[in-house]
C-alpha atoms as a PDB file:
ATOM      1  CA  MET A   1      95.780  87.861 137.794  1.00  0.00           C
ATOM      2  CA  ALA A   2      98.262  88.574 140.660  1.00  0.00           C
ATOM      3  CA  ALA A   3     100.655  85.763 139.090  1.00  0.00           C
ATOM      4  CA  VAL A   4     100.261  88.415 135.469  1.00  0.00           C
ATOM      5  CA  THR A   5     103.657  89.854 134.136  1.00  0.00           C
ATOM      6  CA  ILE A   6     104.882  92.196 131.086  1.00  0.00           C
ATOM      7  CA  ARG A   7     106.241  89.065 130.136  1.00  0.00           C
ATOM      8  CA  ARG A   8     103.346  87.234 129.684  1.00  0.00           C
ATOM      9  CA  MET A   9     101.089  90.214 128.424  1.00  0.00           C
ATOM     10  CA  SER A  10     103.895  91.103 125.558  1.00  0.00           C
ATOM     11  CA  ILE A  11     103.130  87.060 124.219  1.00  0.00           C
ATOM     12  CA  LEU A  12      99.467  87.688 124.611  1.00  0.00           C
ATOM     13  CA  ILE A  13      99.333  90.568 122.375  1.00  0.00           C
ATOM     14  CA  ALA A  14     102.126  89.349 119.729  1.00  0.00           C
ATOM     15  CA  THR A  15     100.034  86.142 119.805  1.00  0.00           C
ATOM     16  CA  LEU A  16      96.698  88.193 119.459  1.00  0.00           C
ATOM     17  CA  GLY A  17      98.207  90.186 117.085  1.00  0.00           C
ATOM     18  CA  ILE A  18      99.693  87.317 115.114  1.00  0.00           C
ATOM     19  CA  LEU A  19      96.949  85.416 115.107  1.00  0.00           C
ATOM     20  CA  SER A  20      95.588  88.952 113.556  1.00  0.00           C
ATOM     21  CA  PHE A  21      97.359  88.772 110.763  1.00  0.00           C
ATOM     22  CA  ILE A  22      96.953  84.936 110.215  1.00  0.00           C
ATOM     23  CA  PHE A  23      93.166  85.539 109.390  1.00  0.00           C
ATOM     24  CA  GLY A  24      93.044  88.344 106.941  1.00  0.00           C
ATOM     25  CA  VAL A  25      95.636  87.174 105.257  1.00  0.00           C
ATOM     26  CA  VAL A  26      93.890  83.657 104.762  1.00  0.00           C
ATOM     27  CA  GLY A  27      91.460  85.467 104.212  1.00  0.00           C
ATOM     28  CA  GLU A  28      92.437  87.597 101.624  1.00  0.00           C
ATOM     29  CA  ASN A  29      93.633  84.788  99.562  1.00  0.00           C
ATOM     30  CA  LYS A  30      89.843  82.655  99.755  1.00  0.00           C
ATOM     31  CA  LYS A  31      88.170  85.735  98.703  1.00  0.00           C
ATOM     32  CA  PRO A  32      87.035  84.502  95.015  1.00  0.00           C
ATOM     33  CA  ALA A  33      87.387  87.190  92.255  1.00  0.00           C
ATOM     34  CA  ALA A  34      83.752  87.967  91.257  1.00  0.00           C
ATOM     35  CA  GLY A  35      80.621  86.129  91.084  1.00  0.00           C
ATOM     36  CA  THR A  36      78.958  84.281  88.029  1.00  0.00           C
ATOM     37  CA  PRO A  37      75.910  86.707  86.706  1.00  0.00           C
ATOM     38  CA  ILE A  38      72.710  83.965  85.971  1.00  0.00           C
ATOM     39  CA  THR A  39      70.450  86.569  83.962  1.00  0.00           C
ATOM     40  CA  GLY A  40      66.549  85.966  85.465  1.00  0.00           C
ATOM     41  CA  LYS A  41      63.756  87.898  84.050  1.00  0.00           C
ATOM     42  CA  GLY A  42      64.458  91.820  84.124  1.00  0.00           C
ATOM     43  CA  VAL A  43      67.021  90.658  87.319  1.00  0.00           C
ATOM     44  CA  VAL A  44      70.290  89.438  87.499  1.00  0.00           C
ATOM     45  CA  ILE A  45      71.041  86.766  90.424  1.00  0.00           C
ATOM     46  CA  CYS A  46      74.625  86.984  91.061  1.00  0.00           C
ATOM     47  CA  LYS A  47      76.016  83.817  92.575  1.00  0.00           C
ATOM     48  CA  TYR A  48      78.924  83.410  94.575  1.00  0.00           C
ATOM     49  CA  PRO A  49      81.584  80.961  95.206  1.00  0.00           C
ATOM     50  CA  SER A  50      80.967  79.665  99.123  1.00  0.00           C
ATOM     51  CA  ASP A  51      84.280  81.136 100.362  1.00  0.00           C
ATOM     52  CA  PRO A  52      85.629  82.070 104.380  1.00  0.00           C
ATOM     53  CA  MET A  53      86.291  84.990 103.807  1.00  0.00           C
ATOM     54  CA  ILE A  54      83.362  86.985 105.716  1.00  0.00           C
ATOM     55  CA  ALA A  55      83.879  84.639 108.632  1.00  0.00           C
ATOM     56  CA  LEU A  56      87.429  84.517 108.108  1.00  0.00           C
ATOM     57  CA  GLY A  57      87.829  88.858 107.938  1.00  0.00           C
ATOM     58  CA  TYR A  58      85.868  88.982 111.696  1.00  0.00           C
ATOM     59  CA  LEU A  59      87.646  86.351 113.079  1.00  0.00           C
ATOM     60  CA  SER A  60      90.478  89.232 112.306  1.00  0.00           C
ATOM     61  CA  PHE A  61      88.616  91.483 113.398  1.00  0.00           C
ATOM     62  CA  GLY A  62      87.735  89.769 117.018  1.00  0.00           C
ATOM     63  CA  PHE A  63      91.440  89.346 117.983  1.00  0.00           C
ATOM     64  CA  LEU A  64      92.908  92.810 116.553  1.00  0.00           C
ATOM     65  CA  VAL A  65      90.375  94.143 119.305  1.00  0.00           C
ATOM     66  CA  ALA A  66      91.563  91.976 121.702  1.00  0.00           C
ATOM     67  CA  SER A  67      95.141  92.070 121.174  1.00  0.00           C
ATOM     68  CA  ALA A  68      94.122  95.983 121.094  1.00  0.00           C
ATOM     69  CA  VAL A  69      92.020  96.141 124.804  1.00  0.00           C
ATOM     70  CA  ALA A  70      95.036  93.385 125.398  1.00  0.00           C
ATOM     71  CA  GLY A  71      97.865  96.381 124.749  1.00  0.00           C
ATOM     72  CA  PHE A  72      95.950  98.896 126.031  1.00  0.00           C
ATOM     73  CA  LEU A  73      95.289  97.491 129.592  1.00  0.00           C
ATOM     74  CA  ALA A  74      99.023  96.345 130.000  1.00  0.00           C
ATOM     75  CA  LEU A  75      99.583  99.984 129.900  1.00  0.00           C
ATOM     76  CA  PHE A  76      98.228 101.037 132.861  1.00  0.00           C
ATOM     77  CA  TYR A  77      98.131  97.646 134.347  1.00  0.00           C
ATOM     78  CA  PRO A  78     100.214  97.932 138.227  1.00  0.00           C
ATOM     79  CA  TYR A  79     102.831  95.078 138.319  1.00  0.00           C
ATOM     80  CA  LYS A  80     104.328  93.097 141.231  1.00  0.00           C
ATOM     81  CA  GLY A  81     101.918  94.886 142.976  1.00  0.00           C
ATOM     82  CA  LYS A  82     103.354  98.280 142.101  1.00  0.00           C
ATOM     83  CA  SER A  83     101.431 100.656 140.635  1.00  0.00           C
ATOM     84  CA  VAL A  84     102.616 103.997 139.393  1.00  0.00           C
ATOM     85  CA  PRO A  85     100.452 107.558 138.332  1.00  0.00           C
ATOM     86  CA  GLN A  86      99.447 108.156 134.974  1.00  0.00           C
ATOM     87  CA  SER A  87     101.142 111.260 134.503  1.00  0.00           C
ATOM     88  CA  ALA A  88     104.462 109.046 135.314  1.00  0.00           C
ATOM     89  CA  LEU A  89     103.648 107.880 132.299  1.00  0.00           C
ATOM     90  CA  TRP A  90     102.530 110.455 129.857  1.00  0.00           C
ATOM     91  CA  GLN A  91     105.835 112.645 130.993  1.00  0.00           C
ATOM     92  CA  SER A  92     107.822 109.969 128.991  1.00  0.00           C
ATOM     93  CA  THR A  93     107.155 112.605 124.947  1.00  0.00           C
ATOM     94  CA  THR A  94     108.578 108.402 123.788  1.00  0.00           C
ATOM     95  CA  PHE A  95     105.710 106.441 125.264  1.00  0.00           C
ATOM     96  CA  VAL A  96     103.160 109.849 124.391  1.00  0.00           C
ATOM     97  CA  VAL A  97     104.477 109.908 121.095  1.00  0.00           C
ATOM     98  CA  PHE A  98     103.887 105.067 120.305  1.00  0.00           C
ATOM     99  CA  PHE A  99     100.926 104.852 122.404  1.00  0.00           C
ATOM    100  CA  ASN A 100      99.567 107.969 119.598  1.00  0.00           C
ATOM    101  CA  VAL A 101     100.914 105.128 116.971  1.00  0.00           C
ATOM    102  CA  ALA A 102      99.603 102.023 117.924  1.00  0.00           C
ATOM    103  CA  ILE A 103      95.803 103.929 118.463  1.00  0.00           C
ATOM    104  CA  PHE A 104      96.095 105.459 114.752  1.00  0.00           C
ATOM    105  CA  THR A 105      97.139 102.247 113.184  1.00  0.00           C
ATOM    106  CA  THR A 106      95.314 100.240 115.272  1.00  0.00           C
ATOM    107  CA  GLY A 107      91.875 102.680 114.132  1.00  0.00           C
ATOM    108  CA  LEU A 108      93.824 102.092 110.854  1.00  0.00           C
ATOM    109  CA  ALA A 109      93.689  98.349 110.732  1.00  0.00           C
ATOM    110  CA  LEU A 110      90.479  97.923 112.040  1.00  0.00           C
ATOM    111  CA  THR A 111      88.612  99.730 109.323  1.00  0.00           C
ATOM    112  CA  LEU A 112      90.882  98.489 106.603  1.00  0.00           C
ATOM    113  CA  VAL A 113      89.672  94.543 108.110  1.00  0.00           C
ATOM    114  CA  LEU A 114      86.470  95.725 108.499  1.00  0.00           C
ATOM    115  CA  TRP A 115      85.678  97.485 105.411  1.00  0.00           C
ATOM    116  CA  PRO A 116      86.206  94.656 103.006  1.00  0.00           C
ATOM    117  CA  THR A 117      84.286  92.142 105.489  1.00  0.00           C
ATOM    118  CA  ILE A 118      81.487  93.956 105.726  1.00  0.00           C
ATOM    119  CA  THR A 119      81.342  95.027 101.470  1.00  0.00           C
ATOM    120  CA  GLU A 120      81.776  91.333 101.153  1.00  0.00           C
ATOM    121  CA  HIS A 121      78.922  89.931 103.140  1.00  0.00           C
ATOM    122  CA  PHE A 122      76.529  93.025 101.550  1.00  0.00           C
ATOM    123  CA  HIS A 123      77.322  91.314  98.492  1.00  0.00           C
ATOM    124  CA  LEU A 124      76.413  87.949  99.349  1.00  0.00           C
ATOM    125  CA  THR A 125      73.133  89.158 100.668  1.00  0.00           C
ATOM    126  CA  LYS A 126      71.820  91.709  98.305  1.00  0.00           C
ATOM    127  CA  ASN A 127      72.862  89.079  95.751  1.00  0.00           C
ATOM    128  CA  VAL A 128      69.267  90.344  93.092  1.00  0.00           C
ATOM    129  CA  HIS A 129      70.130  93.226  91.199  1.00  0.00           C
ATOM    130  CA  HIS A 130      67.940  94.590  88.560  1.00  0.00           C
ATOM    131  CA  ASN A 131      70.488  97.214  86.690  1.00  0.00           C
ATOM    132  CA  LEU A 132      70.938  93.833  83.676  1.00  0.00           C
ATOM    133  CA  GLN A 133      74.738  95.008  83.257  1.00  0.00           C
ATOM    134  CA  THR A 134      76.081  94.008  87.049  1.00  0.00           C
ATOM    135  CA  GLU A 135      78.524  91.949  86.834  1.00  0.00           C
ATOM    136  CA  CYS A 136      78.408  90.553  90.933  1.00  0.00           C
ATOM    137  CA  PRO A 137      80.925  92.305  92.077  1.00  0.00           C
ATOM    138  CA  THR A 138      83.158  91.300  95.620  1.00  0.00           C
ATOM    139  CA  ALA A 139      84.627  93.607  98.082  1.00  0.00           C
ATOM    140  CA  LYS A 140      88.087  95.285  96.621  1.00  0.00           C
ATOM    141  CA  THR A 141      91.182  93.218  96.335  1.00  0.00           C
ATOM    142  CA  GLY A 142      94.359  94.056  98.512  1.00  0.00           C
ATOM    143  CA  VAL A 143      92.162  96.072 101.778  1.00  0.00           C
ATOM    144  CA  LEU A 144      91.879  92.946 104.331  1.00  0.00           C
ATOM    145  CA  GLY A 145      95.561  91.877 103.145  1.00  0.00           C
ATOM    146  CA  GLY A 146      96.817  95.890 103.895  1.00  0.00           C
ATOM    147  CA  GLY A 147      94.809  95.330 107.557  1.00  0.00           C
ATOM    148  CA  ALA A 148      95.959  92.735 108.346  1.00  0.00           C
ATOM    149  CA  PHE A 149      99.691  93.668 107.601  1.00  0.00           C
ATOM    150  CA  LEU A 150      98.122  96.904 109.507  1.00  0.00           C
ATOM    151  CA  SER A 151      96.738  95.086 112.195  1.00  0.00           C
ATOM    152  CA  LEU A 152     100.493  93.264 113.049  1.00  0.00           C
ATOM    153  CA  ASP A 153     102.058  96.483 113.358  1.00  0.00           C
ATOM    154  CA  SER A 154      99.769  97.489 115.647  1.00  0.00           C
ATOM    155  CA  ALA A 155     100.135  94.524 117.474  1.00  0.00           C
ATOM    156  CA  LEU A 156     103.668  96.034 118.033  1.00  0.00           C
ATOM    157  CA  PHE A 157     103.137  99.314 118.375  1.00  0.00           C
ATOM    158  CA  TRP A 158     101.285  98.118 121.436  1.00  0.00           C
ATOM    159  CA  LEU A 159     104.764  96.086 122.585  1.00  0.00           C
ATOM    160  CA  ILE A 160     106.818  99.384 121.673  1.00  0.00           C
ATOM    161  CA  ALA A 161     104.721 101.289 124.038  1.00  0.00           C
ATOM    162  CA  LEU A 162     104.063  98.416 127.220  1.00  0.00           C
ATOM    163  CA  MET A 163     108.364  98.847 126.316  1.00  0.00           C
ATOM    164  CA  LEU A 164     108.675 102.012 127.380  1.00  0.00           C
ATOM    165  CA  ALA A 165     106.171 101.756 130.129  1.00  0.00           C
ATOM    166  CA  ASN A 166     107.836  99.149 131.449  1.00  0.00           C
ATOM    167  CA  ASN A 167     111.015 101.675 130.773  1.00  0.00           C
ATOM    168  CA  ALA A 168     108.997 105.100 132.585  1.00  0.00           C
ATOM    169  CA  ARG A 169     107.597 102.779 135.169  1.00  0.00           C
ATOM    170  CA  GLU A 170     110.732 101.726 136.087  1.00  0.00           C
ATOM    171  CA  ASP A 171     112.614 105.584 136.278  1.00  0.00           C
ATOM    172  CA  TYR A 172     109.805 106.782 138.152  1.00  0.00           C
ATOM    173  CA  LEU A 173     110.512 103.707 140.659  1.00  0.00           C
ATOM    174  CA  GLU A 174     114.062 104.940 140.981  1.00  0.00           C
ATOM    175  CA  GLY A 175     113.501 108.363 140.824  1.00  0.00           C
ATOM    176  CA  LYS A 176     111.208 107.300 144.151  1.00  0.00           C
ATOM    177  CA  ALA A 177     113.575 104.943 146.092  1.00  0.00           C
ATOM    178  CA  GLU A 178     116.705 107.751 145.345  1.00  0.00           C
ATOM    179  CA  PHE A 179     115.165 109.745 148.508  1.00  0.00           C
ATOM    180  CA  LYS A 180     114.367 105.993 150.558  1.00  0.00           C
ATOM    181  CA  ASN A 181     117.280 105.064 153.257  1.00  0.00           C
ATOM    182  CA  GLU A 182     117.588 101.668 154.163  1.00  0.00           C
ATOM    183  CA  PHE A 183     114.353 102.030 156.216  1.00  0.00           C
ATOM    184  CA  GLY A 184     112.489 103.115 153.927  1.00  0.00           C
ATOM    185  CA  MET A 185     111.687 106.426 155.589  1.00  0.00           C
ATOM    186  CA  VAL A 186     112.270 109.365 153.468  1.00  0.00           C
ATOM    187  CA  ILE A 187     115.552 111.741 153.696  1.00  0.00           C
ATOM    188  CA  THR A 188     114.845 115.203 153.534  1.00  0.00           C
ATOM    189  CA  ASN A 189     118.061 117.825 153.885  1.00  0.00           C
END
């Protein structure tokens, strides 16, 4: 991990976010509109066409989690062997704002990706209904796609937070270097 750079972490975060977005959008497009009700003796059995929406939803969720974890860890990782105290990062107001926005959009994206995926999974596994008026519903349309777009936004906010953390890190290290002479000794007045 010594060769880890901010550029590599940025590429990793962006790639994972884009994959989450792609899987979410494709999952939304592959979701069936409704199932076919088959009426039996006192029950309705819903037959759904084969669709990869559930697998794509869980993949989108997994890549979103990986993107968020990579983004969070990248913020506090010591690059080039130089670590700074976390208080130096938290002094930057813009970093704090974008960090909180990244956390919020990640949480909202996780909710919007996982909710229709679990709902669709529930509809496919609990497909026997005792209500004869059941119309074989599927998960709400558009929620997974919205979560996919938010997962892309989340990755972008993690990238912005990483850029701001790098700026705060450089400001801290430059400020610390101003008080040293050419031999690395601290100058006091």
